[in-house]
Amino acid sequence: MLPPFIIDQIRKREEDVRNEREQPVVHVPIPLVPPREETRDEDADRGVVVIDLFG
């Protein structure tokens, strides 16, 4: 037979494990974002315009 303090230690460890398992978990819904469709049109071939205001 085990001494009483060892039995108490075993019970405490079992309770700790049980308490860890019983913690609530919150599931956050993540909205699904549809993938962007890549379209190639005439606007995609635009150039860059530089305007010099101080010259």
PDB file of N, CA and C in Angstrom:
ATOM      1  N   MET A   1       0.837  -1.173   0.000  1.00  0.00           N
ATOM      2  CA  MET A   1       0.000   0.000   0.000  1.00  0.00           C
ATOM      3  C   MET A   1       0.891   1.249   0.000  1.00  0.00           C
ATOM      4  N   LEU A   2       0.428   2.264  -0.727  1.00  0.00           N
ATOM      5  CA  LEU A   2       1.184   3.507  -0.841  1.00  0.00           C
ATOM      6  C   LEU A   2       0.896   4.423   0.346  1.00  0.00           C
ATOM      7  N   PRO A   3       1.872   5.240   0.692  1.00  0.00           N
ATOM      8  CA  PRO A   3       1.632   6.210   1.769  1.00  0.00           C
ATOM      9  C   PRO A   3       0.584   7.250   1.325  1.00  0.00           C
ATOM     10  N   PRO A   4      -0.141   7.814   2.278  1.00  0.00           N
ATOM     11  CA  PRO A   4      -1.232   8.741   1.945  1.00  0.00           C
ATOM     12  C   PRO A   4      -0.784   9.976   1.137  1.00  0.00           C
ATOM     13  N   PHE A   5       0.406  10.509   1.388  1.00  0.00           N
ATOM     14  CA  PHE A   5       0.813  11.702   0.647  1.00  0.00           C
ATOM     15  C   PHE A   5       1.058  11.394  -0.829  1.00  0.00           C
ATOM     16  N   ILE A   6       1.503  10.190  -1.130  1.00  0.00           N
ATOM     17  CA  ILE A   6       1.701   9.804  -2.529  1.00  0.00           C
ATOM     18  C   ILE A   6       0.340   9.658  -3.217  1.00  0.00           C
ATOM     19  N   ILE A   7      -0.621   9.100  -2.527  1.00  0.00           N
ATOM     20  CA  ILE A   7      -1.971   8.962  -3.080  1.00  0.00           C
ATOM     21  C   ILE A   7      -2.558  10.351  -3.350  1.00  0.00           C
ATOM     22  N   ASP A   8      -2.338  11.293  -2.439  1.00  0.00           N
ATOM     23  CA  ASP A   8      -2.816  12.658  -2.643  1.00  0.00           C
ATOM     24  C   ASP A   8      -2.145  13.300  -3.862  1.00  0.00           C
ATOM     25  N   GLN A   9      -0.858  13.075  -4.027  1.00  0.00           N
ATOM     26  CA  GLN A   9      -0.147  13.635  -5.175  1.00  0.00           C
ATOM     27  C   GLN A   9      -0.698  13.063  -6.491  1.00  0.00           C
ATOM     28  N   ILE A  10      -0.966  11.775  -6.502  1.00  0.00           N
ATOM     29  CA  ILE A  10      -1.529  11.144  -7.697  1.00  0.00           C
ATOM     30  C   ILE A  10      -2.902  11.735  -8.007  1.00  0.00           C
ATOM     31  N   ARG A  11      -3.733  11.925  -6.997  1.00  0.00           N
ATOM     32  CA  ARG A  11      -5.063  12.514  -7.204  1.00  0.00           C
ATOM     33  C   ARG A  11      -4.962  13.939  -7.736  1.00  0.00           C
ATOM     34  N   LYS A  12      -4.035  14.720  -7.188  1.00  0.00           N
ATOM     35  CA  LYS A  12      -3.865  16.095  -7.658  1.00  0.00           C
ATOM     36  C   LYS A  12      -3.433  16.127  -9.120  1.00  0.00           C
ATOM     37  N   ARG A  13      -2.525  15.246  -9.498  1.00  0.00           N
ATOM     38  CA  ARG A  13      -2.079  15.198 -10.890  1.00  0.00           C
ATOM     39  C   ARG A  13      -3.215  14.795 -11.816  1.00  0.00           C
ATOM     40  N   GLU A  14      -4.018  13.828 -11.399  1.00  0.00           N
ATOM     41  CA  GLU A  14      -5.158  13.405 -12.216  1.00  0.00           C
ATOM     42  C   GLU A  14      -6.165  14.545 -12.362  1.00  0.00           C
ATOM     43  N   GLU A  15      -6.402  15.294 -11.287  1.00  0.00           N
ATOM     44  CA  GLU A  15      -7.321  16.437 -11.360  1.00  0.00           C
ATOM     45  C   GLU A  15      -6.768  17.528 -12.287  1.00  0.00           C
ATOM     46  N   ASP A  16      -5.457  17.765 -12.219  1.00  0.00           N
ATOM     47  CA  ASP A  16      -4.848  18.756 -13.099  1.00  0.00           C
ATOM     48  C   ASP A  16      -5.018  18.369 -14.570  1.00  0.00           C
ATOM     49  N   VAL A  17      -4.803  17.121 -14.873  1.00  0.00           N
ATOM     50  CA  VAL A  17      -4.959  16.646 -16.251  1.00  0.00           C
ATOM     51  C   VAL A  17      -6.420  16.769 -16.668  1.00  0.00           C
ATOM     52  N   ARG A  18      -7.329  16.421 -15.790  1.00  0.00           N
ATOM     53  CA  ARG A  18      -8.762  16.499 -16.086  1.00  0.00           C
ATOM     54  C   ARG A  18      -9.180  17.953 -16.313  1.00  0.00           C
ATOM     55  N   ASN A  19      -8.655  18.874 -15.490  1.00  0.00           N
ATOM     56  CA  ASN A  19      -8.992  20.295 -15.633  1.00  0.00           C
ATOM     57  C   ASN A  19      -8.445  20.880 -16.934  1.00  0.00           C
ATOM     58  N   GLU A  20      -7.281  20.432 -17.360  1.00  0.00           N
ATOM     59  CA  GLU A  20      -6.714  20.909 -18.618  1.00  0.00           C
ATOM     60  C   GLU A  20      -7.590  20.486 -19.791  1.00  0.00           C
ATOM     61  N   ARG A  21      -8.138  19.319 -19.730  1.00  0.00           N
ATOM     62  CA  ARG A  21      -8.984  18.811 -20.815  1.00  0.00           C
ATOM     63  C   ARG A  21     -10.338  19.517 -20.843  1.00  0.00           C
ATOM     64  N   GLU A  22     -10.808  19.984 -19.702  1.00  0.00           N
ATOM     65  CA  GLU A  22     -12.151  20.548 -19.608  1.00  0.00           C
ATOM     66  C   GLU A  22     -12.197  22.052 -19.899  1.00  0.00           C
ATOM     67  N   GLN A  23     -11.091  22.676 -20.237  1.00  0.00           N
ATOM     68  CA  GLN A  23     -11.104  24.101 -20.514  1.00  0.00           C
ATOM     69  C   GLN A  23     -11.906  24.370 -21.788  1.00  0.00           C
ATOM     70  N   PRO A  24     -12.723  25.411 -21.755  1.00  0.00           N
ATOM     71  CA  PRO A  24     -13.536  25.709 -22.937  1.00  0.00           C
ATOM     72  C   PRO A  24     -12.687  26.196 -24.104  1.00  0.00           C
ATOM     73  N   VAL A  25     -13.154  25.872 -25.277  1.00  0.00           N
ATOM     74  CA  VAL A  25     -12.471  26.281 -26.494  1.00  0.00           C
ATOM     75  C   VAL A  25     -13.444  27.071 -27.344  1.00  0.00           C
ATOM     76  N   VAL A  26     -13.010  28.211 -27.823  1.00  0.00           N
ATOM     77  CA  VAL A  26     -13.854  29.049 -28.665  1.00  0.00           C
ATOM     78  C   VAL A  26     -13.398  28.871 -30.110  1.00  0.00           C
ATOM     79  N   HIS A  27     -14.335  28.484 -30.965  1.00  0.00           N
ATOM     80  CA  HIS A  27     -14.033  28.342 -32.384  1.00  0.00           C
ATOM     81  C   HIS A  27     -14.495  29.607 -33.101  1.00  0.00           C
ATOM     82  N   VAL A  28     -13.551  30.307 -33.694  1.00  0.00           N
ATOM     83  CA  VAL A  28     -13.858  31.551 -34.386  1.00  0.00           C
ATOM     84  C   VAL A  28     -14.113  31.232 -35.854  1.00  0.00           C
ATOM     85  N   PRO A  29     -15.286  31.602 -36.349  1.00  0.00           N
ATOM     86  CA  PRO A  29     -15.546  31.324 -37.763  1.00  0.00           C
ATOM     87  C   PRO A  29     -14.706  32.239 -38.652  1.00  0.00           C
ATOM     88  N   ILE A  30     -14.045  31.643 -39.599  1.00  0.00           N
ATOM     89  CA  ILE A  30     -13.220  32.399 -40.526  1.00  0.00           C
ATOM     90  C   ILE A  30     -13.946  32.422 -41.870  1.00  0.00           C
ATOM     91  N   PRO A  31     -14.318  33.615 -42.331  1.00  0.00           N
ATOM     92  CA  PRO A  31     -15.032  33.669 -43.604  1.00  0.00           C
ATOM     93  C   PRO A  31     -14.109  33.265 -44.751  1.00  0.00           C
ATOM     94  N   LEU A  32     -14.643  32.490 -45.655  1.00  0.00           N
ATOM     95  CA  LEU A  32     -13.877  32.055 -46.810  1.00  0.00           C
ATOM     96  C   LEU A  32     -13.906  33.154 -47.865  1.00  0.00           C
ATOM     97  N   VAL A  33     -12.737  33.552 -48.307  1.00  0.00           N
ATOM     98  CA  VAL A  33     -12.623  34.591 -49.315  1.00  0.00           C
ATOM     99  C   VAL A  33     -12.369  33.911 -50.655  1.00  0.00           C
ATOM    100  N   PRO A  34     -13.231  34.164 -51.630  1.00  0.00           N
ATOM    101  CA  PRO A  34     -12.999  33.524 -52.923  1.00  0.00           C
ATOM    102  C   PRO A  34     -11.718  34.071 -53.553  1.00  0.00           C
ATOM    103  N   PRO A  35     -10.983  33.239 -54.245  1.00  0.00           N
ATOM    104  CA  PRO A  35      -9.745  33.719 -54.867  1.00  0.00           C
ATOM    105  C   PRO A  35     -10.048  34.751 -55.944  1.00  0.00           C
ATOM    106  N   ARG A  36      -9.160  35.751 -56.051  1.00  0.00           N
ATOM    107  CA  ARG A  36      -9.360  36.793 -57.048  1.00  0.00           C
ATOM    108  C   ARG A  36      -9.058  36.250 -58.439  1.00  0.00           C
ATOM    109  N   GLU A  37      -9.911  36.610 -59.340  1.00  0.00           N
ATOM    110  CA  GLU A  37      -9.687  36.204 -60.722  1.00  0.00           C
ATOM    111  C   GLU A  37      -8.791  37.248 -61.377  1.00  0.00           C
ATOM    112  N   GLU A  38      -7.727  36.777 -61.972  1.00  0.00           N
ATOM    113  CA  GLU A  38      -6.823  37.703 -62.637  1.00  0.00           C
ATOM    114  C   GLU A  38      -7.298  37.893 -64.065  1.00  0.00           C
ATOM    115  N   THR A  39      -7.632  39.125 -64.370  1.00  0.00           N
ATOM    116  CA  THR A  39      -8.078  39.439 -65.726  1.00  0.00           C
ATOM    117  C   THR A  39      -7.058  40.357 -66.367  1.00  0.00           C
ATOM    118  N   ARG A  40      -6.810  40.138 -67.591  1.00  0.00           N
ATOM    119  CA  ARG A  40      -5.854  40.952 -68.341  1.00  0.00           C
ATOM    120  C   ARG A  40      -6.648  41.742 -69.372  1.00  0.00           C
ATOM    121  N   ASP A  41      -6.594  43.052 -69.233  1.00  0.00           N
ATOM    122  CA  ASP A  41      -7.284  43.879 -70.203  1.00  0.00           C
ATOM    123  C   ASP A  41      -6.392  45.057 -70.589  1.00  0.00           C
ATOM    124  N   GLU A  42      -6.913  45.980 -71.348  1.00  0.00           N
ATOM    125  CA  GLU A  42      -6.126  47.101 -71.844  1.00  0.00           C
ATOM    126  C   GLU A  42      -5.686  48.033 -70.724  1.00  0.00           C
ATOM    127  N   ASP A  43      -6.435  48.138 -69.665  1.00  0.00           N
ATOM    128  CA  ASP A  43      -6.076  49.025 -68.564  1.00  0.00           C
ATOM    129  C   ASP A  43      -4.830  48.558 -67.825  1.00  0.00           C
ATOM    130  N   ALA A  44      -4.505  47.293 -67.941  1.00  0.00           N
ATOM    131  CA  ALA A  44      -3.341  46.766 -67.241  1.00  0.00           C
ATOM    132  C   ALA A  44      -2.041  47.227 -67.883  1.00  0.00           C
ATOM    133  N   ASP A  45      -2.074  47.695 -69.143  1.00  0.00           N
ATOM    134  CA  ASP A  45      -0.863  48.108 -69.845  1.00  0.00           C
ATOM    135  C   ASP A  45      -0.642  49.619 -69.778  1.00  0.00           C
ATOM    136  N   ARG A  46      -1.185  50.254 -68.788  1.00  0.00           N
ATOM    137  CA  ARG A  46      -1.028  51.698 -68.657  1.00  0.00           C
ATOM    138  C   ARG A  46       0.383  52.055 -68.242  1.00  0.00           C
ATOM    139  N   GLY A  47       0.794  53.256 -68.605  1.00  0.00           N
ATOM    140  CA  GLY A  47       2.121  53.749 -68.239  1.00  0.00           C
ATOM    141  C   GLY A  47       2.052  54.599 -66.986  1.00  0.00           C
ATOM    142  N   VAL A  48       3.168  55.246 -66.674  1.00  0.00           N
ATOM    143  CA  VAL A  48       3.266  56.097 -65.495  1.00  0.00           C
ATOM    144  C   VAL A  48       3.428  57.540 -65.974  1.00  0.00           C
ATOM    145  N   VAL A  49       2.705  58.468 -65.347  1.00  0.00           N
ATOM    146  CA  VAL A  49       2.794  59.876 -65.678  1.00  0.00           C
ATOM    147  C   VAL A  49       3.439  60.598 -64.504  1.00  0.00           C
ATOM    148  N   VAL A  50       4.514  61.368 -64.782  1.00  0.00           N
ATOM    149  CA  VAL A  50       5.195  62.128 -63.761  1.00  0.00           C
ATOM    150  C   VAL A  50       4.915  63.602 -64.033  1.00  0.00           C
ATOM    151  N   ILE A  51       4.385  64.316 -63.054  1.00  0.00           N
ATOM    152  CA  ILE A  51       4.082  65.728 -63.180  1.00  0.00           C
ATOM    153  C   ILE A  51       5.023  66.483 -62.257  1.00  0.00           C
ATOM    154  N   ASP A  52       5.858  67.327 -62.824  1.00  0.00           N
ATOM    155  CA  ASP A  52       6.822  68.107 -62.058  1.00  0.00           C
ATOM    156  C   ASP A  52       6.195  69.463 -61.731  1.00  0.00           C
ATOM    157  N   LEU A  53       5.822  69.676 -60.476  1.00  0.00           N
ATOM    158  CA  LEU A  53       5.167  70.898 -60.063  1.00  0.00           C
ATOM    159  C   LEU A  53       6.150  72.004 -59.707  1.00  0.00           C
ATOM    160  N   PHE A  54       7.406  71.683 -59.454  1.00  0.00           N
ATOM    161  CA  PHE A  54       8.379  72.670 -59.009  1.00  0.00           C
ATOM    162  C   PHE A  54       9.369  73.042 -60.104  1.00  0.00           C
ATOM    163  N   GLY A  55       9.122  72.676 -61.326  1.00  0.00           N
ATOM    164  CA  GLY A  55      10.121  72.930 -62.353  1.00  0.00           C
ATOM    165  C   GLY A  55       9.673  73.769 -63.415  1.00  0.00           C
TER     166      GLY A  55
END
